[in-house]
Amino acid sequence: MGGDEFALLLPETGQEGAMVVAERLRDLVRRQPMEVDGSTFVVTVCIGGATCPIYFFAPLL
């Protein structure tokens, strides 16, 4: 991942729950304008998601 990316792991969270978290994060970022050199900017984010069943990782535990 690059410098402007991060990962958020949501154990025991299904797709619907992850969508709720993503929308909350997106809204929180949007409501926090940034000021740079006297100019105010509204920041937006793009969020992608993936789900994986627990048995996929079981051999790694």
N, C-alpha and C. Protein backbone atom coordinates (compact mmCIF):
# COMPACT_ATOMS: atom_id res chain seq x y z
N MET A 1 0.84 -1.17 0.00
CA MET A 1 0.00 0.00 0.00
C MET A 1 0.89 1.23 0.00
N GLY A 2 0.39 2.28 -0.61
CA GLY A 2 1.14 3.53 -0.71
C GLY A 2 0.96 4.39 0.53
N GLY A 3 1.53 5.57 0.49
CA GLY A 3 1.49 6.48 1.62
C GLY A 3 0.11 7.06 1.90
N ASP A 4 -0.78 7.01 0.94
CA ASP A 4 -2.11 7.57 1.15
C ASP A 4 -3.17 6.49 1.29
N GLU A 5 -2.74 5.30 1.64
CA GLU A 5 -3.67 4.18 1.79
C GLU A 5 -3.50 3.55 3.16
N PHE A 6 -4.55 2.94 3.65
CA PHE A 6 -4.46 2.18 4.88
C PHE A 6 -5.48 1.05 4.82
N ALA A 7 -5.29 0.08 5.68
CA ALA A 7 -6.21 -1.06 5.75
C ALA A 7 -6.91 -1.04 7.10
N LEU A 8 -8.14 -1.44 7.09
CA LEU A 8 -8.93 -1.54 8.30
C LEU A 8 -9.50 -2.95 8.34
N LEU A 9 -9.13 -3.71 9.35
CA LEU A 9 -9.63 -5.09 9.49
C LEU A 9 -10.82 -5.08 10.45
N LEU A 10 -11.88 -5.72 10.05
CA LEU A 10 -13.10 -5.77 10.85
C LEU A 10 -13.48 -7.23 11.10
N PRO A 11 -12.84 -7.87 12.08
CA PRO A 11 -13.15 -9.28 12.35
C PRO A 11 -14.61 -9.46 12.73
N GLU A 12 -15.15 -10.58 12.30
CA GLU A 12 -16.53 -10.96 12.61
C GLU A 12 -17.53 -9.89 12.16
N THR A 13 -17.23 -9.22 11.06
CA THR A 13 -18.11 -8.19 10.51
C THR A 13 -18.46 -8.60 9.09
N GLY A 14 -19.74 -8.68 8.81
CA GLY A 14 -20.18 -9.03 7.47
C GLY A 14 -20.14 -7.83 6.53
N GLN A 15 -20.58 -8.07 5.32
CA GLN A 15 -20.54 -7.03 4.29
C GLN A 15 -21.40 -5.82 4.68
N GLU A 16 -22.58 -6.06 5.23
CA GLU A 16 -23.45 -4.95 5.61
C GLU A 16 -22.82 -4.10 6.71
N GLY A 17 -22.23 -4.75 7.70
CA GLY A 17 -21.56 -4.02 8.78
C GLY A 17 -20.37 -3.23 8.28
N ALA A 18 -19.63 -3.81 7.35
CA ALA A 18 -18.49 -3.11 6.77
C ALA A 18 -18.95 -1.89 5.98
N MET A 19 -20.08 -2.00 5.30
CA MET A 19 -20.62 -0.85 4.56
C MET A 19 -21.00 0.28 5.51
N VAL A 20 -21.55 -0.06 6.65
CA VAL A 20 -21.91 0.96 7.64
C VAL A 20 -20.65 1.68 8.12
N VAL A 21 -19.61 0.92 8.43
CA VAL A 21 -18.35 1.52 8.88
C VAL A 21 -17.77 2.41 7.79
N ALA A 22 -17.77 1.94 6.55
CA ALA A 22 -17.22 2.72 5.44
C ALA A 22 -17.98 4.03 5.26
N GLU A 23 -19.29 3.99 5.33
CA GLU A 23 -20.08 5.21 5.18
C GLU A 23 -19.82 6.18 6.32
N ARG A 24 -19.67 5.66 7.54
CA ARG A 24 -19.38 6.53 8.68
C ARG A 24 -18.02 7.20 8.52
N LEU A 25 -17.02 6.43 8.09
CA LEU A 25 -15.69 7.01 7.85
C LEU A 25 -15.74 8.07 6.76
N ARG A 26 -16.41 7.77 5.68
CA ARG A 26 -16.52 8.70 4.57
C ARG A 26 -17.19 10.00 5.01
N ASP A 27 -18.24 9.89 5.81
CA ASP A 27 -18.94 11.06 6.30
C ASP A 27 -18.08 11.87 7.26
N LEU A 28 -17.36 11.18 8.15
CA LEU A 28 -16.48 11.88 9.10
C LEU A 28 -15.40 12.67 8.38
N VAL A 29 -14.79 12.08 7.37
CA VAL A 29 -13.75 12.77 6.61
C VAL A 29 -14.34 13.97 5.88
N ARG A 30 -15.49 13.78 5.27
CA ARG A 30 -16.13 14.86 4.51
C ARG A 30 -16.47 16.05 5.40
N ARG A 31 -16.82 15.79 6.66
CA ARG A 31 -17.22 16.86 7.57
C ARG A 31 -16.05 17.55 8.24
N GLN A 32 -14.82 17.18 7.91
CA GLN A 32 -13.63 17.80 8.49
C GLN A 32 -12.86 18.56 7.42
N PRO A 33 -13.28 19.79 7.09
CA PRO A 33 -12.56 20.53 6.05
C PRO A 33 -11.12 20.79 6.47
N MET A 34 -10.24 20.86 5.49
CA MET A 34 -8.82 21.12 5.74
C MET A 34 -8.48 22.51 5.24
N GLU A 35 -7.64 23.20 6.01
CA GLU A 35 -7.21 24.52 5.60
C GLU A 35 -5.73 24.48 5.23
N VAL A 36 -5.42 24.98 4.04
CA VAL A 36 -4.05 25.03 3.55
C VAL A 36 -3.81 26.41 2.96
N ASP A 37 -2.84 27.11 3.52
CA ASP A 37 -2.49 28.45 3.02
C ASP A 37 -3.69 29.37 2.90
N GLY A 38 -4.57 29.33 3.89
CA GLY A 38 -5.73 30.21 3.90
C GLY A 38 -6.91 29.74 3.06
N SER A 39 -6.77 28.65 2.35
CA SER A 39 -7.87 28.10 1.56
C SER A 39 -8.43 26.87 2.25
N THR A 40 -9.73 26.73 2.21
CA THR A 40 -10.39 25.59 2.84
C THR A 40 -10.81 24.59 1.77
N PHE A 41 -10.52 23.33 2.04
CA PHE A 41 -10.84 22.25 1.12
C PHE A 41 -11.68 21.19 1.81
N VAL A 42 -12.63 20.66 1.10
CA VAL A 42 -13.39 19.50 1.58
C VAL A 42 -12.72 18.27 1.00
N VAL A 43 -12.37 17.33 1.85
CA VAL A 43 -11.68 16.12 1.44
C VAL A 43 -12.70 15.00 1.25
N THR A 44 -12.52 14.23 0.21
CA THR A 44 -13.35 13.05 -0.01
C THR A 44 -12.46 11.82 -0.06
N VAL A 45 -13.05 10.67 0.17
CA VAL A 45 -12.30 9.42 0.13
C VAL A 45 -13.07 8.39 -0.69
N CYS A 46 -12.33 7.47 -1.24
CA CYS A 46 -12.91 6.30 -1.90
C CYS A 46 -12.56 5.09 -1.04
N ILE A 47 -13.53 4.28 -0.77
CA ILE A 47 -13.32 3.13 0.11
C ILE A 47 -13.75 1.87 -0.62
N GLY A 48 -12.87 0.89 -0.62
CA GLY A 48 -13.18 -0.41 -1.18
C GLY A 48 -13.19 -1.44 -0.07
N GLY A 49 -13.82 -2.55 -0.32
CA GLY A 49 -13.89 -3.58 0.71
C GLY A 49 -13.81 -4.97 0.13
N ALA A 50 -13.45 -5.89 0.98
CA ALA A 50 -13.40 -7.30 0.61
C ALA A 50 -13.77 -8.11 1.85
N THR A 51 -14.42 -9.22 1.63
CA THR A 51 -14.74 -10.11 2.75
C THR A 51 -14.03 -11.44 2.54
N CYS A 52 -13.78 -12.09 3.65
CA CYS A 52 -13.09 -13.37 3.61
C CYS A 52 -13.61 -14.24 4.74
N PRO A 53 -14.05 -15.46 4.46
CA PRO A 53 -14.53 -16.34 5.52
C PRO A 53 -13.40 -16.73 6.47
N ILE A 54 -13.74 -16.95 7.72
CA ILE A 54 -12.74 -17.26 8.74
C ILE A 54 -11.97 -18.53 8.41
N TYR A 55 -12.62 -19.52 7.78
CA TYR A 55 -11.91 -20.77 7.50
C TYR A 55 -10.78 -20.57 6.50
N PHE A 56 -10.78 -19.46 5.77
CA PHE A 56 -9.69 -19.17 4.85
C PHE A 56 -8.38 -18.97 5.61
N PHE A 57 -8.45 -18.36 6.80
CA PHE A 57 -7.26 -18.08 7.59
C PHE A 57 -6.98 -19.13 8.65
N ALA A 58 -7.87 -20.07 8.87
CA ALA A 58 -7.70 -21.06 9.94
C ALA A 58 -6.35 -21.76 9.89
N PRO A 59 -5.84 -22.19 8.73
CA PRO A 59 -4.53 -22.84 8.73
C PRO A 59 -3.38 -21.92 9.15
N LEU A 60 -3.59 -20.61 9.07
CA LEU A 60 -2.54 -19.66 9.44
C LEU A 60 -2.53 -19.34 10.92
N LEU A 61 -3.61 -19.70 11.63
CA LEU A 61 -3.71 -19.34 13.05
C LEU A 61 -2.94 -20.28 13.92
